Amino acid sequence: MIDTLPLQSAIMFAVAAVFVLAGTWLLWQLRIPQGPARVYVYRMAGIMAISGGAVLAMSAWAMWQWSLDP
């Protein structure tokens, strides 16, 4: 039996991917010497974006699994 991905879960996975990519980009920017304020903001925002993307992806996966017929 082939189960399709619900639209809501697909949207959540897409938003999670955007968060993870944005957070990764912010952390990647720390390779270049920056001022202390920018380092703090990029580090905090990058880690929060990656964490938020991970949690959203887990929620999307759980919602997808719950939508399957037993």
PDB file of N, CA and C in Angstrom:
ATOM      1  N   MET A   1       0.835  -1.177   0.000  1.00  0.00           N
ATOM      2  CA  MET A   1       0.000   0.000   0.000  1.00  0.00           C
ATOM      3  C   MET A   1       0.884   1.247   0.000  1.00  0.00           C
ATOM      4  N   ILE A   2       0.612   2.138  -0.929  1.00  0.00           N
ATOM      5  CA  ILE A   2       1.401   3.366  -1.037  1.00  0.00           C
ATOM      6  C   ILE A   2       0.638   4.492  -0.337  1.00  0.00           C
ATOM      7  N   ASP A   3       1.294   5.128   0.601  1.00  0.00           N
ATOM      8  CA  ASP A   3       0.684   6.226   1.343  1.00  0.00           C
ATOM      9  C   ASP A   3       1.238   7.543   0.816  1.00  0.00           C
ATOM     10  N   THR A   4       0.341   8.479   0.562  1.00  0.00           N
ATOM     11  CA  THR A   4       0.775   9.768   0.047  1.00  0.00           C
ATOM     12  C   THR A   4       0.984  10.738   1.203  1.00  0.00           C
ATOM     13  N   LEU A   5       1.824  11.689   0.951  1.00  0.00           N
ATOM     14  CA  LEU A   5       2.127  12.716   1.946  1.00  0.00           C
ATOM     15  C   LEU A   5       1.023  13.770   1.913  1.00  0.00           C
ATOM     16  N   PRO A   6       0.350  14.015   3.044  1.00  0.00           N
ATOM     17  CA  PRO A   6      -0.696  15.054   3.062  1.00  0.00           C
ATOM     18  C   PRO A   6      -0.095  16.434   2.787  1.00  0.00           C
ATOM     19  N   LEU A   7      -0.894  17.296   2.214  1.00  0.00           N
ATOM     20  CA  LEU A   7      -0.441  18.642   1.871  1.00  0.00           C
ATOM     21  C   LEU A   7       0.066  19.394   3.099  1.00  0.00           C
ATOM     22  N   GLN A   8      -0.620  19.264   4.225  1.00  0.00           N
ATOM     23  CA  GLN A   8      -0.206  19.973   5.437  1.00  0.00           C
ATOM     24  C   GLN A   8       1.180  19.530   5.897  1.00  0.00           C
ATOM     25  N   SER A   9       1.441  18.237   5.824  1.00  0.00           N
ATOM     26  CA  SER A   9       2.759  17.735   6.218  1.00  0.00           C
ATOM     27  C   SER A   9       3.828  18.197   5.234  1.00  0.00           C
ATOM     28  N   ALA A  10       3.498  18.206   3.950  1.00  0.00           N
ATOM     29  CA  ALA A  10       4.460  18.661   2.948  1.00  0.00           C
ATOM     30  C   ALA A  10       4.836  20.124   3.170  1.00  0.00           C
ATOM     31  N   ILE A  11       3.834  20.943   3.492  1.00  0.00           N
ATOM     32  CA  ILE A  11       4.106  22.359   3.769  1.00  0.00           C
ATOM     33  C   ILE A  11       4.985  22.494   5.004  1.00  0.00           C
ATOM     34  N   MET A  12       4.699  21.709   6.033  1.00  0.00           N
ATOM     35  CA  MET A  12       5.516  21.772   7.250  1.00  0.00           C
ATOM     36  C   MET A  12       6.949  21.335   6.966  1.00  0.00           C
ATOM     37  N   PHE A  13       7.134  20.296   6.162  1.00  0.00           N
ATOM     38  CA  PHE A  13       8.485  19.866   5.797  1.00  0.00           C
ATOM     39  C   PHE A  13       9.213  20.962   5.010  1.00  0.00           C
ATOM     40  N   ALA A  14       8.503  21.647   4.119  1.00  0.00           N
ATOM     41  CA  ALA A  14       9.123  22.714   3.329  1.00  0.00           C
ATOM     42  C   ALA A  14       9.557  23.878   4.214  1.00  0.00           C
ATOM     43  N   VAL A  15       8.698  24.274   5.143  1.00  0.00           N
ATOM     44  CA  VAL A  15       9.040  25.372   6.058  1.00  0.00           C
ATOM     45  C   VAL A  15      10.202  24.957   6.953  1.00  0.00           C
ATOM     46  N   ALA A  16      10.211  23.712   7.401  1.00  0.00           N
ATOM     47  CA  ALA A  16      11.321  23.216   8.220  1.00  0.00           C
ATOM     48  C   ALA A  16      12.628  23.278   7.440  1.00  0.00           C
ATOM     49  N   ALA A  17      12.581  22.924   6.169  1.00  0.00           N
ATOM     50  CA  ALA A  17      13.795  22.984   5.345  1.00  0.00           C
ATOM     51  C   ALA A  17      14.290  24.421   5.208  1.00  0.00           C
ATOM     52  N   VAL A  18      13.373  25.362   5.049  1.00  0.00           N
ATOM     53  CA  VAL A  18      13.769  26.778   4.947  1.00  0.00           C
ATOM     54  C   VAL A  18      14.430  27.227   6.244  1.00  0.00           C
ATOM     55  N   PHE A  19      13.853  26.857   7.393  1.00  0.00           N
ATOM     56  CA  PHE A  19      14.452  27.219   8.677  1.00  0.00           C
ATOM     57  C   PHE A  19      15.861  26.642   8.813  1.00  0.00           C
ATOM     58  N   VAL A  20      16.012  25.375   8.472  1.00  0.00           N
ATOM     59  CA  VAL A  20      17.323  24.725   8.610  1.00  0.00           C
ATOM     60  C   VAL A  20      18.339  25.368   7.673  1.00  0.00           C
ATOM     61  N   LEU A  21      17.938  25.657   6.442  1.00  0.00           N
ATOM     62  CA  LEU A  21      18.867  26.300   5.505  1.00  0.00           C
ATOM     63  C   LEU A  21      19.247  27.705   5.967  1.00  0.00           C
ATOM     64  N   ALA A  22      18.272  28.465   6.459  1.00  0.00           N
ATOM     65  CA  ALA A  22      18.571  29.818   6.953  1.00  0.00           C
ATOM     66  C   ALA A  22      19.502  29.762   8.153  1.00  0.00           C
ATOM     67  N   GLY A  23      19.243  28.847   9.079  1.00  0.00           N
ATOM     68  CA  GLY A  23      20.117  28.711  10.246  1.00  0.00           C
ATOM     69  C   GLY A  23      21.521  28.273   9.865  1.00  0.00           C
ATOM     70  N   THR A  24      21.608  27.362   8.921  1.00  0.00           N
ATOM     71  CA  THR A  24      22.922  26.915   8.454  1.00  0.00           C
ATOM     72  C   THR A  24      23.678  28.054   7.790  1.00  0.00           C
ATOM     73  N   TRP A  25      22.966  28.863   7.005  1.00  0.00           N
ATOM     74  CA  TRP A  25      23.612  30.006   6.358  1.00  0.00           C
ATOM     75  C   TRP A  25      24.135  30.994   7.401  1.00  0.00           C
ATOM     76  N   LEU A  26      23.329  31.255   8.442  1.00  0.00           N
ATOM     77  CA  LEU A  26      23.784  32.176   9.489  1.00  0.00           C
ATOM     78  C   LEU A  26      25.036  31.644  10.191  1.00  0.00           C
ATOM     79  N   LEU A  27      25.041  30.372  10.510  1.00  0.00           N
ATOM     80  CA  LEU A  27      26.222  29.802  11.167  1.00  0.00           C
ATOM     81  C   LEU A  27      27.419  29.762  10.229  1.00  0.00           C
ATOM     82  N   TRP A  28      27.163  29.556   8.945  1.00  0.00           N
ATOM     83  CA  TRP A  28      28.248  29.532   7.951  1.00  0.00           C
ATOM     84  C   TRP A  28      28.902  30.912   7.851  1.00  0.00           C
ATOM     85  N   GLN A  29      28.128  31.974   8.060  1.00  0.00           N
ATOM     86  CA  GLN A  29      28.660  33.332   7.996  1.00  0.00           C
ATOM     87  C   GLN A  29      29.648  33.625   9.124  1.00  0.00           C
ATOM     88  N   LEU A  30      29.663  32.809  10.164  1.00  0.00           N
ATOM     89  CA  LEU A  30      30.587  33.023  11.275  1.00  0.00           C
ATOM     90  C   LEU A  30      32.033  32.698  10.901  1.00  0.00           C
ATOM     91  N   ARG A  31      32.246  32.106   9.721  1.00  0.00           N
ATOM     92  CA  ARG A  31      33.621  31.850   9.272  1.00  0.00           C
ATOM     93  C   ARG A  31      34.358  33.155   8.997  1.00  0.00           C
ATOM     94  N   ILE A  32      33.599  34.183   8.607  1.00  0.00           N
ATOM     95  CA  ILE A  32      34.172  35.488   8.286  1.00  0.00           C
ATOM     96  C   ILE A  32      34.249  36.297   9.584  1.00  0.00           C
ATOM     97  N   PRO A  33      35.358  36.968   9.850  1.00  0.00           N
ATOM     98  CA  PRO A  33      35.449  37.775  11.074  1.00  0.00           C
ATOM     99  C   PRO A  33      34.331  38.822  11.125  1.00  0.00           C
ATOM    100  N   GLN A  34      33.624  38.852  12.242  1.00  0.00           N
ATOM    101  CA  GLN A  34      32.494  39.765  12.451  1.00  0.00           C
ATOM    102  C   GLN A  34      32.687  40.465  13.791  1.00  0.00           C
ATOM    103  N   GLY A  35      31.902  41.487  14.003  1.00  0.00           N
ATOM    104  CA  GLY A  35      31.891  42.158  15.294  1.00  0.00           C
ATOM    105  C   GLY A  35      31.217  41.279  16.342  1.00  0.00           C
ATOM    106  N   PRO A  36      31.464  41.563  17.627  1.00  0.00           N
ATOM    107  CA  PRO A  36      30.902  40.716  18.681  1.00  0.00           C
ATOM    108  C   PRO A  36      29.375  40.658  18.681  1.00  0.00           C
ATOM    109  N   ALA A  37      28.708  41.759  18.359  1.00  0.00           N
ATOM    110  CA  ALA A  37      27.243  41.764  18.348  1.00  0.00           C
ATOM    111  C   ALA A  37      26.712  40.876  17.227  1.00  0.00           C
ATOM    112  N   ARG A  38      27.319  40.976  16.062  1.00  0.00           N
ATOM    113  CA  ARG A  38      26.874  40.163  14.927  1.00  0.00           C
ATOM    114  C   ARG A  38      27.139  38.687  15.176  1.00  0.00           C
ATOM    115  N   VAL A  39      28.269  38.360  15.789  1.00  0.00           N
ATOM    116  CA  VAL A  39      28.566  36.962  16.115  1.00  0.00           C
ATOM    117  C   VAL A  39      27.502  36.418  17.063  1.00  0.00           C
ATOM    118  N   TYR A  40      27.143  37.202  18.068  1.00  0.00           N
ATOM    119  CA  TYR A  40      26.136  36.768  19.031  1.00  0.00           C
ATOM    120  C   TYR A  40      24.790  36.532  18.346  1.00  0.00           C
ATOM    121  N   VAL A  41      24.364  37.492  17.533  1.00  0.00           N
ATOM    122  CA  VAL A  41      23.063  37.386  16.876  1.00  0.00           C
ATOM    123  C   VAL A  41      23.049  36.240  15.881  1.00  0.00           C
ATOM    124  N   TYR A  42      24.082  36.105  15.062  1.00  0.00           N
ATOM    125  CA  TYR A  42      24.118  35.030  14.068  1.00  0.00           C
ATOM    126  C   TYR A  42      24.137  33.675  14.754  1.00  0.00           C
ATOM    127  N   ARG A  43      24.895  33.562  15.833  1.00  0.00           N
ATOM    128  CA  ARG A  43      24.970  32.277  16.532  1.00  0.00           C
ATOM    129  C   ARG A  43      23.618  31.924  17.151  1.00  0.00           C
ATOM    130  N   MET A  44      23.013  32.860  17.857  1.00  0.00           N
ATOM    131  CA  MET A  44      21.731  32.573  18.509  1.00  0.00           C
ATOM    132  C   MET A  44      20.627  32.322  17.490  1.00  0.00           C
ATOM    133  N   ALA A  45      20.516  33.182  16.492  1.00  0.00           N
ATOM    134  CA  ALA A  45      19.457  33.018  15.488  1.00  0.00           C
ATOM    135  C   ALA A  45      19.680  31.751  14.663  1.00  0.00           C
ATOM    136  N   GLY A  46      20.933  31.437  14.348  1.00  0.00           N
ATOM    137  CA  GLY A  46      21.219  30.233  13.574  1.00  0.00           C
ATOM    138  C   GLY A  46      20.864  28.967  14.324  1.00  0.00           C
ATOM    139  N   ILE A  47      21.249  28.913  15.583  1.00  0.00           N
ATOM    140  CA  ILE A  47      20.941  27.724  16.385  1.00  0.00           C
ATOM    141  C   ILE A  47      19.432  27.599  16.593  1.00  0.00           C
ATOM    142  N   MET A  48      18.746  28.718  16.843  1.00  0.00           N
ATOM    143  CA  MET A  48      17.294  28.659  17.037  1.00  0.00           C
ATOM    144  C   MET A  48      16.588  28.253  15.753  1.00  0.00           C
ATOM    145  N   ALA A  49      17.047  28.726  14.599  1.00  0.00           N
ATOM    146  CA  ALA A  49      16.412  28.367  13.332  1.00  0.00           C
ATOM    147  C   ALA A  49      16.602  26.880  13.035  1.00  0.00           C
ATOM    148  N   ILE A  50      17.801  26.359  13.251  1.00  0.00           N
ATOM    149  CA  ILE A  50      18.034  24.931  13.023  1.00  0.00           C
ATOM    150  C   ILE A  50      17.204  24.090  13.992  1.00  0.00           C
ATOM    151  N   SER A  51      17.154  24.500  15.243  1.00  0.00           N
ATOM    152  CA  SER A  51      16.351  23.768  16.232  1.00  0.00           C
ATOM    153  C   SER A  51      14.867  23.822  15.878  1.00  0.00           C
ATOM    154  N   GLY A  52      14.392  24.976  15.500  1.00  0.00           N
ATOM    155  CA  GLY A  52      12.987  25.111  15.109  1.00  0.00           C
ATOM    156  C   GLY A  52      12.656  24.267  13.890  1.00  0.00           C
ATOM    157  N   GLY A  53      13.575  24.239  12.926  1.00  0.00           N
ATOM    158  CA  GLY A  53      13.362  23.406  11.750  1.00  0.00           C
ATOM    159  C   GLY A  53      13.329  21.928  12.096  1.00  0.00           C
ATOM    160  N   ALA A  54      14.186  21.508  13.005  1.00  0.00           N
ATOM    161  CA  ALA A  54      14.206  20.101  13.412  1.00  0.00           C
ATOM    162  C   ALA A  54      12.913  19.716  14.122  1.00  0.00           C
ATOM    163  N   VAL A  55      12.447  20.575  15.024  1.00  0.00           N
ATOM    164  CA  VAL A  55      11.210  20.288  15.753  1.00  0.00           C
ATOM    165  C   VAL A  55      10.016  20.292  14.795  1.00  0.00           C
ATOM    166  N   LEU A  56       9.991  21.227  13.863  1.00  0.00           N
ATOM    167  CA  LEU A  56       8.896  21.284  12.900  1.00  0.00           C
ATOM    168  C   LEU A  56       8.895  20.054  11.993  1.00  0.00           C
ATOM    169  N   ALA A  57      10.075  19.596  11.594  1.00  0.00           N
ATOM    170  CA  ALA A  57      10.160  18.390  10.768  1.00  0.00           C
ATOM    171  C   ALA A  57       9.676  17.166  11.545  1.00  0.00           C
ATOM    172  N   MET A  58      10.023  17.078  12.815  1.00  0.00           N
ATOM    173  CA  MET A  58       9.529  15.955  13.627  1.00  0.00           C
ATOM    174  C   MET A  58       8.009  16.019  13.788  1.00  0.00           C
ATOM    175  N   SER A  59       7.476  17.211  13.953  1.00  0.00           N
ATOM    176  CA  SER A  59       6.030  17.363  14.065  1.00  0.00           C
ATOM    177  C   SER A  59       5.340  16.997  12.762  1.00  0.00           C
ATOM    178  N   ALA A  60       5.926  17.395  11.636  1.00  0.00           N
ATOM    179  CA  ALA A  60       5.348  17.047  10.339  1.00  0.00           C
ATOM    180  C   ALA A  60       5.363  15.543  10.131  1.00  0.00           C
ATOM    181  N   TRP A  61       6.440  14.894  10.521  1.00  0.00           N
ATOM    182  CA  TRP A  61       6.517  13.436  10.384  1.00  0.00           C
ATOM    183  C   TRP A  61       5.463  12.766  11.259  1.00  0.00           C
ATOM    184  N   ALA A  62       5.306  13.250  12.490  1.00  0.00           N
ATOM    185  CA  ALA A  62       4.304  12.668  13.387  1.00  0.00           C
ATOM    186  C   ALA A  62       2.902  12.881  12.842  1.00  0.00           C
ATOM    187  N   MET A  63       2.617  14.064  12.316  1.00  0.00           N
ATOM    188  CA  MET A  63       1.303  14.324  11.756  1.00  0.00           C
ATOM    189  C   MET A  63       1.044  13.425  10.551  1.00  0.00           C
ATOM    190  N   TRP A  64       2.072  13.205   9.746  1.00  0.00           N
ATOM    191  CA  TRP A  64       1.951  12.317   8.587  1.00  0.00           C
ATOM    192  C   TRP A  64       1.643  10.890   9.044  1.00  0.00           C
ATOM    193  N   GLN A  65       2.347  10.421  10.070  1.00  0.00           N
ATOM    194  CA  GLN A  65       2.119   9.053  10.562  1.00  0.00           C
ATOM    195  C   GLN A  65       0.728   8.912  11.169  1.00  0.00           C
ATOM    196  N   TRP A  66       0.252   9.945  11.858  1.00  0.00           N
ATOM    197  CA  TRP A  66      -1.069   9.875  12.476  1.00  0.00           C
ATOM    198  C   TRP A  66      -2.179   9.909  11.433  1.00  0.00           C
ATOM    199  N   SER A  67      -1.877  10.461  10.246  1.00  0.00           N
ATOM    200  CA  SER A  67      -2.910  10.560   9.215  1.00  0.00           C
ATOM    201  C   SER A  67      -3.072   9.256   8.441  1.00  0.00           C
ATOM    202  N   LEU A  68      -2.171   8.301   8.629  1.00  0.00           N
ATOM    203  CA  LEU A  68      -2.263   7.045   7.909  1.00  0.00           C
ATOM    204  C   LEU A  68      -3.380   6.177   8.479  1.00  0.00           C
ATOM    205  N   ASP A  69      -4.050   5.467   7.597  1.00  0.00           N
ATOM    206  CA  ASP A  69      -5.086   4.526   8.054  1.00  0.00           C
ATOM    207  C   ASP A  69      -4.432   3.313   8.664  1.00  0.00           C
ATOM    208  N   PRO A  70      -4.981   2.820   9.788  1.00  0.00           N
ATOM    209  CA  PRO A  70      -4.383   1.643  10.422  1.00  0.00           C
ATOM    210  C   PRO A  70      -4.636   0.379   9.620  1.00  0.00           C
TER     211      PRO A  70
END
